[in-house]
Protein backbone atom coordinates (compact mmCIF):
# COMPACT_ATOMS: atom_id res chain seq x y z
CA MET A 1 64.73 65.78 82.12
CA SER A 2 61.78 66.48 84.39
CA LEU A 3 62.04 67.07 88.14
CA ILE A 4 60.20 63.79 88.85
CA SER A 5 62.70 61.86 86.68
CA LYS A 6 65.61 63.42 88.55
CA ILE A 7 64.04 62.48 91.90
CA ILE A 8 63.53 58.88 90.74
CA ILE A 9 67.17 58.64 89.59
CA PHE A 10 68.35 60.13 92.90
CA VAL A 11 66.31 57.66 94.97
CA LYS A 12 67.49 54.70 92.90
CA LYS A 13 71.11 55.75 93.42
CA GLN A 14 70.62 55.87 97.20
CA ILE A 15 69.16 52.36 97.16
CA VAL A 16 72.03 51.02 95.05
CA ASP A 17 74.62 52.68 97.36
CA ILE A 18 73.03 51.14 100.47
CA LYS A 19 72.86 47.69 98.87
CA THR A 20 76.50 47.98 97.78
CA TYR A 21 78.07 49.39 100.94
CA GLY A 22 75.66 48.11 103.60
CA SER A 23 74.70 49.55 106.99
CA THR A 24 77.67 51.96 107.11
CA GLU A 25 76.37 53.72 104.03
CA LEU A 26 72.83 53.81 105.43
CA LEU A 27 74.09 55.54 108.57
CA ARG A 28 76.13 57.98 106.49
CA LYS A 29 73.11 58.95 104.40
CA PHE A 30 70.98 59.28 107.52
CA TYR A 31 73.60 61.61 108.97
CA LEU A 32 73.57 63.73 105.79
CA LEU A 33 69.77 63.95 105.95
CA ILE A 34 69.95 65.22 109.53
CA LYS A 35 72.49 67.83 108.42
CA VAL A 36 70.05 69.10 105.76
CA PHE A 37 67.33 69.64 108.37
CA PHE A 38 69.88 71.25 110.68
CA ILE A 39 70.87 73.79 108.01
CA ILE A 40 67.34 75.11 107.37
CA PRO A 41 67.21 77.35 110.50
CA PHE A 42 70.45 79.03 109.43
CA TYR A 43 68.89 80.06 106.12
CA LEU A 44 65.83 81.39 107.94
CA VAL A 45 68.16 83.66 109.92
CA ALA A 46 70.35 84.47 106.89
CA ILE A 47 67.53 86.00 104.84
CA PRO A 48 66.68 88.88 107.23
CA THR A 49 70.38 89.30 108.03
CA CYS A 50 71.16 89.86 104.35
CA LEU A 51 68.36 92.42 104.12
CA ILE A 52 69.76 94.30 107.14
CA ILE A 53 73.28 94.23 105.67
CA ARG A 54 71.96 95.75 102.46
CA LEU A 55 69.92 98.37 104.28
CA ILE A 56 72.98 99.69 106.18
CA SER A 57 75.28 99.48 103.14
CA PRO A 58 75.05 103.25 102.38
CA TRP A 59 76.97 103.78 105.64
CA ILE A 60 79.00 100.61 106.15
CA ILE A 61 79.59 97.57 103.95
CA ILE A 62 79.75 94.18 105.62
CA ARG A 63 81.37 91.54 103.43
CA THR A 64 81.47 87.78 103.92
CA ILE A 65 84.57 86.02 102.62
CA ARG A 66 85.02 82.27 102.32
CA LEU A 67 88.56 80.97 102.69
CA PRO A 68 89.15 77.59 101.00
CA ALA A 69 90.68 75.64 103.90
CA GLY A 70 90.16 72.26 102.25
CA ASN A 71 93.33 72.75 100.22
CA PHE A 72 96.53 73.56 102.13
CA GLY A 73 98.05 75.79 99.45
CA ASP A 74 94.84 77.68 98.70
CA PHE A 75 94.30 78.41 102.40
CA ILE A 76 97.75 80.01 102.51
CA ILE A 77 97.72 81.98 99.28
CA PHE A 78 94.12 83.21 99.14
CA ALA A 79 94.23 84.42 102.74
CA GLY A 80 97.72 85.86 102.25
CA ILE A 81 96.83 87.91 99.18
CA TYR A 82 93.66 89.13 100.86
CA TYR A 83 95.62 90.22 103.95
CA CYS A 84 98.29 92.03 101.92
CA LYS A 85 95.75 93.89 99.80
CA LYS A 86 93.89 94.89 102.95
CA LYS A 87 97.05 96.28 104.53
CA LEU A 88 98.22 97.99 101.35
CA LYS A 89 94.68 99.28 100.59
CA ILE A 90 94.60 97.71 97.15
CA ASN A 91 91.17 97.21 95.50
CA GLN A 92 89.31 97.99 98.72
CA PRO A 93 85.85 99.58 98.94
CA LYS A 94 85.96 103.37 99.24
CA LYS A 95 83.29 103.24 101.93
CA LYS A 96 83.86 102.09 105.48
CA HIS A 97 83.69 98.30 105.48
CA PHE A 98 84.07 95.28 107.73
CA ASP A 99 85.04 91.81 106.55
CA LEU A 100 83.90 88.54 108.12
CA MET A 101 85.95 85.45 107.22
CA TYR A 102 84.68 81.91 107.36
CA ILE A 103 85.53 78.34 106.44
CA ASP A 104 82.80 76.45 104.64
CA GLN A 105 81.39 73.47 106.50
CA LYS A 106 82.34 71.20 103.61
CA ASP A 107 86.01 72.18 103.91
CA LYS A 108 88.06 70.15 106.33
CA PHE A 109 91.21 72.05 107.24
CA TYR A 110 94.30 69.91 107.54
CA ASN A 111 96.63 72.04 109.64
CA LYS A 112 95.44 73.45 112.96
CA GLN A 113 98.55 75.59 113.41
CA LEU A 114 97.91 77.39 110.14
CA LEU A 115 94.32 78.12 111.15
CA LYS A 116 95.53 79.35 114.55
CA MET A 117 97.94 81.79 112.92
CA TRP A 118 95.32 83.12 110.49
CA LYS A 119 92.88 83.66 113.36
CA ARG A 120 95.41 86.06 114.87
CA LYS A 121 95.24 88.16 111.70
CA LEU A 122 91.69 87.82 110.35
CA ASN A 123 88.13 88.03 111.67
CA PHE A 124 86.76 84.48 111.64
CA PHE A 125 83.11 83.68 112.36
CA SER A 126 80.79 80.69 112.09
CA GLY A 127 81.09 78.98 108.73
CA ARG A 128 77.58 77.63 108.98
CA MET A 129 76.06 81.08 109.49
CA LEU A 130 78.26 83.09 107.12
CA GLY A 131 78.06 80.39 104.47
CA SER A 132 74.26 80.66 104.54
CA ILE A 133 74.47 84.46 104.32
CA ASN A 134 76.87 84.20 101.40
CA LYS A 135 74.52 81.92 99.47
CA VAL A 136 71.50 84.13 100.13
CA HIS A 137 73.47 87.18 98.92
CA LYS A 138 74.18 85.41 95.62
CA LEU A 139 70.45 84.97 95.03
CA MET A 140 70.00 88.75 95.12
CA PRO A 141 71.20 91.42 92.67
CA GLY A 142 74.35 93.37 93.53
CA TRP A 143 75.87 90.51 95.52
CA ARG A 144 79.43 91.33 94.42
CA THR A 145 79.42 94.33 96.76
CA PHE A 146 79.03 92.03 99.75
CA ILE A 147 81.32 89.17 98.77
CA ASP A 148 85.01 89.89 98.27
CA LEU A 149 86.42 88.18 95.17
CA ASN A 150 90.13 88.59 95.95
CA GLU A 151 89.93 85.01 97.20
CA ARG A 152 90.10 83.88 93.58
CA GLU A 153 93.72 84.98 93.23
CA ASN A 154 96.00 82.03 93.87
CA ARG A 155 99.29 83.52 92.68
CA ASP A 156 101.13 86.48 94.16
CA ILE A 157 101.95 87.85 90.71
CA ASN A 158 102.43 91.36 92.14
CA ASN A 159 104.92 90.12 94.76
CA LEU A 160 102.86 91.48 97.64
CA PHE A 161 104.57 89.12 100.09
CA GLU A 162 107.79 91.05 99.54
CA LYS A 163 106.06 94.12 101.01
CA ILE A 164 103.95 92.55 103.76
CA GLN A 165 104.53 89.52 105.98
CA PRO A 166 101.05 88.02 106.40
CA LEU A 167 101.90 85.21 108.84
CA GLU A 168 104.04 85.51 111.97
CA PHE A 169 105.09 83.31 114.86
CA THR A 170 104.81 84.38 118.48
CA LYS A 171 107.94 84.57 120.63
CA GLU A 172 106.87 81.34 122.36
CA GLU A 173 106.34 79.57 119.02
CA LYS A 174 109.80 80.61 117.79
CA ALA A 175 111.38 79.24 120.96
CA TYR A 176 109.45 75.98 120.65
CA GLY A 177 110.43 75.63 117.00
CA LYS A 178 114.13 75.97 117.84
CA GLU A 179 113.73 73.46 120.65
CA MET A 180 112.21 70.96 118.23
CA LEU A 181 114.99 71.52 115.69
CA SER A 182 117.52 70.66 118.40
CA LYS A 183 115.72 67.36 118.95
CA PHE A 184 116.31 66.59 115.28
CA GLY A 185 120.03 67.27 115.85
CA LEU A 186 120.29 70.82 114.50
CA LYS A 187 122.19 73.62 116.23
CA ASP A 188 121.16 77.29 116.20
CA LYS A 189 122.93 78.32 112.99
CA ASP A 190 122.44 75.09 111.04
CA LYS A 191 120.77 75.49 107.66
CA PHE A 192 118.12 73.19 106.29
CA VAL A 193 116.13 72.59 103.12
CA CYS A 194 112.56 71.34 102.87
CA LEU A 195 112.20 68.48 100.38
CA ALA A 196 108.56 68.25 99.31
CA VAL A 197 107.80 65.64 96.65
CA ARG A 198 104.27 64.83 95.62
CA ASP A 199 102.89 61.31 95.66
CA GLY A 200 99.30 60.02 95.83
CA SER A 201 99.05 59.24 99.55
CA PHE A 202 97.76 62.58 100.88
CA GLN A 203 94.91 62.82 98.38
CA LEU A 204 93.76 59.36 99.43
CA LYS A 205 93.82 60.54 103.04
CA LYS A 206 91.46 63.39 102.07
CA PHE A 207 89.03 61.30 100.00
CA SER A 208 89.03 57.57 99.36
CA THR A 209 88.90 56.29 95.80
CA ARG A 210 85.25 55.41 96.39
CA PHE A 211 84.33 59.10 96.41
CA ARG A 212 86.95 60.39 94.03
CA ASN A 213 89.33 58.86 91.51
CA TRP A 214 92.69 60.59 91.94
CA ASP A 215 94.39 58.93 88.96
CA TYR A 216 94.02 62.11 86.92
CA HIS A 217 96.77 63.64 89.12
CA ASN A 218 99.30 60.85 88.60
CA PHE A 219 101.28 62.84 86.04
CA ARG A 220 102.38 65.20 88.85
CA HIS A 221 104.00 62.48 90.99
CA ILE A 222 107.73 61.75 91.10
CA ASP A 223 109.59 58.91 92.80
CA ILE A 224 111.21 60.25 95.99
CA ASP A 225 114.34 58.19 95.21
CA LYS A 226 115.05 60.56 92.31
CA PHE A 227 115.86 63.23 94.93
CA VAL A 228 118.32 61.21 97.02
CA LEU A 229 121.38 62.33 95.03
CA ALA A 230 120.35 65.99 95.39
CA ALA A 231 119.72 65.54 99.12
CA GLU A 232 123.16 63.92 99.57
CA GLU A 233 124.78 66.80 97.70
CA LEU A 234 123.01 69.34 99.91
CA THR A 235 124.36 67.67 103.06
CA LYS A 236 127.90 67.88 101.65
CA ARG A 237 127.34 71.63 101.42
CA GLY A 238 126.27 71.83 105.06
CA TYR A 239 122.49 71.61 104.75
CA TYR A 240 120.16 69.34 106.64
CA VAL A 241 117.28 68.04 104.49
CA PHE A 242 113.75 67.54 105.88
CA ARG A 243 111.57 65.32 103.73
CA MET A 244 108.10 66.86 104.19
CA GLY A 245 104.65 65.33 104.09
CA VAL A 246 101.68 64.41 106.26
CA VAL A 247 101.61 60.88 104.85
CA VAL A 248 103.90 59.39 102.21
CA GLU A 249 103.95 56.26 100.08
CA LYS A 250 107.49 55.22 101.01
CA SER A 251 110.52 56.30 103.01
CA MET A 252 113.70 57.72 101.51
CA THR A 253 116.45 55.22 100.78
CA THR A 254 119.41 56.75 102.65
CA ASN A 255 121.37 56.32 105.86
CA ASN A 256 122.65 59.90 105.88
CA PRO A 257 121.88 61.34 109.37
CA MET A 258 121.52 64.84 107.89
CA ILE A 259 118.65 63.66 105.67
CA ILE A 260 115.63 63.51 107.98
CA ASP A 261 112.56 61.62 106.81
CA TYR A 262 110.38 63.99 108.81
CA ALA A 263 107.17 62.82 107.12
CA SER A 264 107.66 59.37 108.65
CA SER A 265 108.87 60.69 112.00
CA ASN A 266 106.90 60.46 115.24
CA MET A 267 107.87 64.13 115.79
CA ARG A 268 105.89 65.30 112.77
CA SER A 269 103.21 67.84 113.78
CA ASP A 270 101.02 70.57 112.33
CA PHE A 271 103.19 73.15 114.06
CA MET A 272 106.49 71.82 112.73
CA ASP A 273 105.04 71.58 109.21
CA ILE A 274 104.54 75.33 109.31
CA TYR A 275 107.74 76.15 111.21
CA LEU A 276 109.97 74.18 108.85
CA GLY A 277 108.37 75.62 105.73
CA ALA A 278 108.70 79.14 107.10
CA ASN A 279 112.34 78.85 108.17
CA CYS A 280 113.99 76.69 105.52
CA SER A 281 116.73 78.09 103.29
CA PHE A 282 114.68 77.03 100.29
CA LEU A 283 112.27 74.36 99.12
CA LEU A 284 113.27 71.63 96.69
CA GLY A 285 110.62 69.40 95.20
CA THR A 286 107.57 69.21 92.99
CA GLY A 287 104.61 71.52 92.57
CA PHE A 288 101.82 71.04 95.12
CA GLY A 289 100.20 72.93 98.00
CA PHE A 290 103.13 72.89 100.43
CA GLN A 291 105.20 75.09 98.10
CA ASP A 292 102.96 78.03 98.99
CA LEU A 293 104.11 77.99 102.61
CA PRO A 294 107.77 78.92 101.93
CA THR A 295 106.50 81.36 99.30
CA ILE A 296 104.51 83.40 101.81
CA PHE A 297 107.64 83.58 104.00
CA LYS A 298 109.72 84.86 101.06
CA LYS A 299 111.70 81.65 100.62
CA PRO A 300 113.08 80.51 97.23
CA LEU A 301 111.68 77.50 95.36
CA ALA A 302 113.49 74.93 93.20
CA LEU A 303 110.69 72.95 91.58
CA ILE A 304 110.03 70.31 88.99
CA SER A 305 106.71 71.58 87.66
CA VAL A 306 104.09 69.96 85.46
CA PRO A 307 102.27 71.18 83.44
CA LEU A 308 104.79 73.54 81.91
CA GLY A 309 102.27 76.38 81.55
CA ASN A 310 101.76 76.36 85.32
CA LEU A 311 105.26 77.48 86.37
CA HIS A 312 105.57 79.80 89.35
CA SER A 313 107.11 82.48 87.19
CA TYR A 314 106.63 85.87 88.85
CA SER A 315 109.76 85.97 91.04
CA GLU A 316 113.51 85.71 90.54
CA LYS A 317 113.52 83.38 93.56
CA PHE A 318 111.88 80.57 91.59
CA LEU A 319 113.99 78.02 89.71
CA HIS A 320 112.37 75.33 87.56
CA LEU A 321 112.58 72.15 85.58
CA THR A 322 109.76 70.18 83.99
CA LYS A 323 109.50 66.51 83.16
CA HIS A 324 110.69 65.32 79.75
CA HIS A 325 107.77 65.25 77.32
CA VAL A 326 108.34 62.34 74.92
CA LEU A 327 106.27 62.05 71.74
CA LYS A 328 105.82 58.28 71.68
CA LYS A 329 105.18 57.73 67.98
CA GLU A 330 108.47 59.46 67.09
CA ASN A 331 110.33 58.50 70.29
CA ARG A 332 111.71 62.00 70.76
CA ARG A 333 111.55 64.73 73.36
CA LEU A 334 109.45 67.79 72.66
CA SER A 335 110.90 71.28 72.82
CA LEU A 336 109.39 74.06 74.91
CA SER A 337 107.32 75.43 72.02
CA GLU A 338 106.22 71.93 70.96
CA ILE A 339 104.85 71.25 74.44
CA PHE A 340 102.57 74.24 73.89
CA SER A 341 101.74 73.45 70.26
CA HIS A 342 100.79 69.86 71.15
CA GLY A 343 98.22 71.21 73.61
CA VAL A 344 99.70 69.84 76.84
CA ALA A 345 101.17 72.98 78.41
CA TYR A 346 97.91 73.26 80.37
CA ALA A 347 97.15 69.56 80.68
CA TYR A 348 95.79 69.06 84.20
CA PHE A 349 94.71 65.46 83.64
CA SER A 350 96.86 62.39 83.02
CA LYS A 351 94.40 61.38 80.31
CA ARG A 352 95.24 64.50 78.27
CA PHE A 353 98.85 63.41 77.87
CA GLU A 354 97.72 59.92 76.88
CA GLU A 355 95.32 61.32 74.28
CA LYS A 356 98.13 63.38 72.77
CA GLY A 357 100.47 60.38 72.66
CA ILE A 358 102.92 62.01 75.04
CA GLU A 359 104.77 60.20 77.82
CA LEU A 360 106.12 62.16 80.78
CA VAL A 361 109.58 60.90 81.77
CA GLU A 362 110.95 61.82 85.18
CA ASN A 363 114.08 63.92 85.37
CA THR A 364 117.30 62.12 86.17
CA GLN A 365 118.88 62.26 89.61
CA GLU A 366 121.72 64.28 88.08
CA GLU A 367 119.34 66.89 86.62
CA ILE A 368 117.65 67.31 90.00
CA ARG A 369 121.02 67.50 91.76
CA ASP A 370 122.16 70.24 89.36
CA LEU A 371 118.98 72.18 90.10
CA ALA A 372 119.70 72.03 93.84
CA ILE A 373 123.33 73.06 93.33
CA GLU A 374 122.31 76.05 91.24
CA MET A 375 119.93 77.22 93.96
CA VAL A 376 122.56 76.84 96.69
CA GLU A 377 125.23 78.69 94.74
CA SER A 378 122.79 81.44 93.89
CA LEU A 379 121.88 81.89 97.56
CA GLU A 380 125.25 81.40 99.24
CA ASN A 381 127.63 83.07 96.87
CA ASN A 382 125.15 85.43 95.25
CA LYS A 383 126.55 83.80 92.13
CA LYS A 384 125.70 85.68 88.99
CA LEU A 385 125.26 83.90 85.69
CA ASN A 386 127.90 84.53 83.06
CA PHE A 387 126.96 86.22 79.81
CA GLU A 388 126.28 82.97 77.93
CA ASP A 389 124.11 81.52 80.71
CA GLU A 390 122.18 84.74 81.13
CA LYS A 391 121.45 84.73 77.40
CA LEU A 392 120.02 81.22 77.79
CA GLN A 393 117.74 82.44 80.57
CA GLU A 394 116.68 85.44 78.51
CA THR A 395 115.87 83.12 75.59
CA PHE A 396 113.83 80.91 77.91
CA ARG A 397 111.83 83.82 79.34
CA ASN A 398 111.12 85.33 75.93
CA LEU A 399 110.15 81.97 74.42
CA TYR A 400 107.97 81.06 77.39
CA THR A 401 106.24 84.45 77.30
CA SER A 402 105.50 84.25 73.56
CA ASN A 403 104.08 80.72 73.91
CA LEU A 404 101.85 81.81 76.78
CA ARG A 405 100.40 84.50 74.55
CA ASN A 406 99.91 82.17 71.61
CA SER A 407 98.82 79.08 73.48
CA ALA A 408 97.16 76.48 71.27
CA ASP A 409 94.80 75.58 74.09
CA GLU A 410 91.91 77.97 73.53
CA LYS A 411 90.14 76.86 76.72
CA MET A 412 93.00 78.41 78.70
CA LYS A 413 93.16 81.56 76.59
CA ASN A 414 92.60 83.96 79.50
CA TYR A 415 94.34 81.87 82.15
CA PRO A 416 98.09 82.57 81.69
CA PRO A 417 98.05 86.30 82.61
CA ILE A 418 96.24 85.53 85.87
CA ILE A 419 98.88 83.12 87.16
CA HIS A 420 101.99 84.63 85.59
CA GLY A 421 102.28 88.38 85.32
CA GLN A 422 105.84 89.26 84.24
CA ILE A 423 108.06 86.21 83.71
CA ARG A 424 110.94 86.56 86.18
CA CYS A 425 111.75 82.94 87.10
CA ARG A 426 114.74 80.95 85.89
CA TYR A 427 114.97 77.53 84.31
CA GLY A 428 117.71 75.08 85.29
CA THR A 429 120.84 76.54 83.72
CA GLN A 430 122.77 73.29 83.50
CA PHE A 431 119.78 71.66 81.81
CA LEU A 432 119.57 74.47 79.25
CA LYS A 433 123.30 74.22 78.51
CA GLU A 434 123.04 70.47 77.93
CA ASN A 435 119.70 70.62 76.06
CA LYS A 436 119.89 73.70 73.83
CA ASN A 437 117.42 72.17 71.37
CA TRP A 438 114.77 72.39 74.08
CA LEU A 439 114.83 76.17 73.67
CA ARG A 440 112.95 76.35 70.41
């Protein structure tokens, strides 16, 4: 397609958008046009700046590093791994170097407290200016020297957070956090669990369905009511439960005063999101960005994770279940190996499961309760598995490892080692005991 044809198609699209969405869309496009003209001067400055940076590179290397703040979990993990490697001097330039961090103008960060805490640890500068410099670097040979690529690592597979604590609260923040907990009814030594269950509401807050169709993520959602039994059980064992979330589709159905629907509370704040995630006994829920917050503070996770190939597997602190994968034409549940062989262990789109004729069935309330109990008993009593249960876990780890290596999904051939490392996690023991055919 010629350049002129592309321009014609682009112009026609703008006209159609304006006719469809009216004056609001016209103003939005006018605003975007102004932004384009506003950016040009930054590139005019970026070009000589890049040349200067390269000229002084024999003596000092100046690197520009973009942190992806548009995704809560990525902003935690990418920055955290970078900070740990910097402190531990892992994969750092041998020459003297200075790193400049920035948030791209397109990325809207969703937690001001998190940004505030990272600014105490990292050197942040103008995203507009550094973003322009970064793009100019990539047009020139040798750009990898001036752009750190550690940001691509979104799993702490080397357990760096066990050696370094990247994020810390000030004395004043700790005092304020305790004060807020007291307002929720907690005393100093009371324990609490963060309950973080994914639904579709937060994604819609980020982008409306007009700009992005979020249906492809539906397979990751679970009804919050499935966690009520587990939450009730946790309160019987002395734990408060905070249901987390910035926005949620519906409230929890419970009158238990120790189960706090924090996400729907008028006391929800950016600060308390971080404070709760950092100080909980553990997190119970489903896999999404919030899980990375307790992780960076060395807290255990009890997760229902889909897809199966995406388990947080590199720490003994992680305990998992996955949804039941039902092969519809045979009306039977797939085993662990069959989930891989049917090509859905790395299915990141709802459509993929549909194409394969596989229905994802949510775990029962009892299965989720058992997962929570196992985590509590492991933490409180340092309960060790008996010989039979440990053999089940060993079978799971070996089977999971072998399937990762022999994944039927060729597109993900090089992906598993990046997110897994050594398989150290556990799978729900009670589930394995009651579903031994799953381990094949």
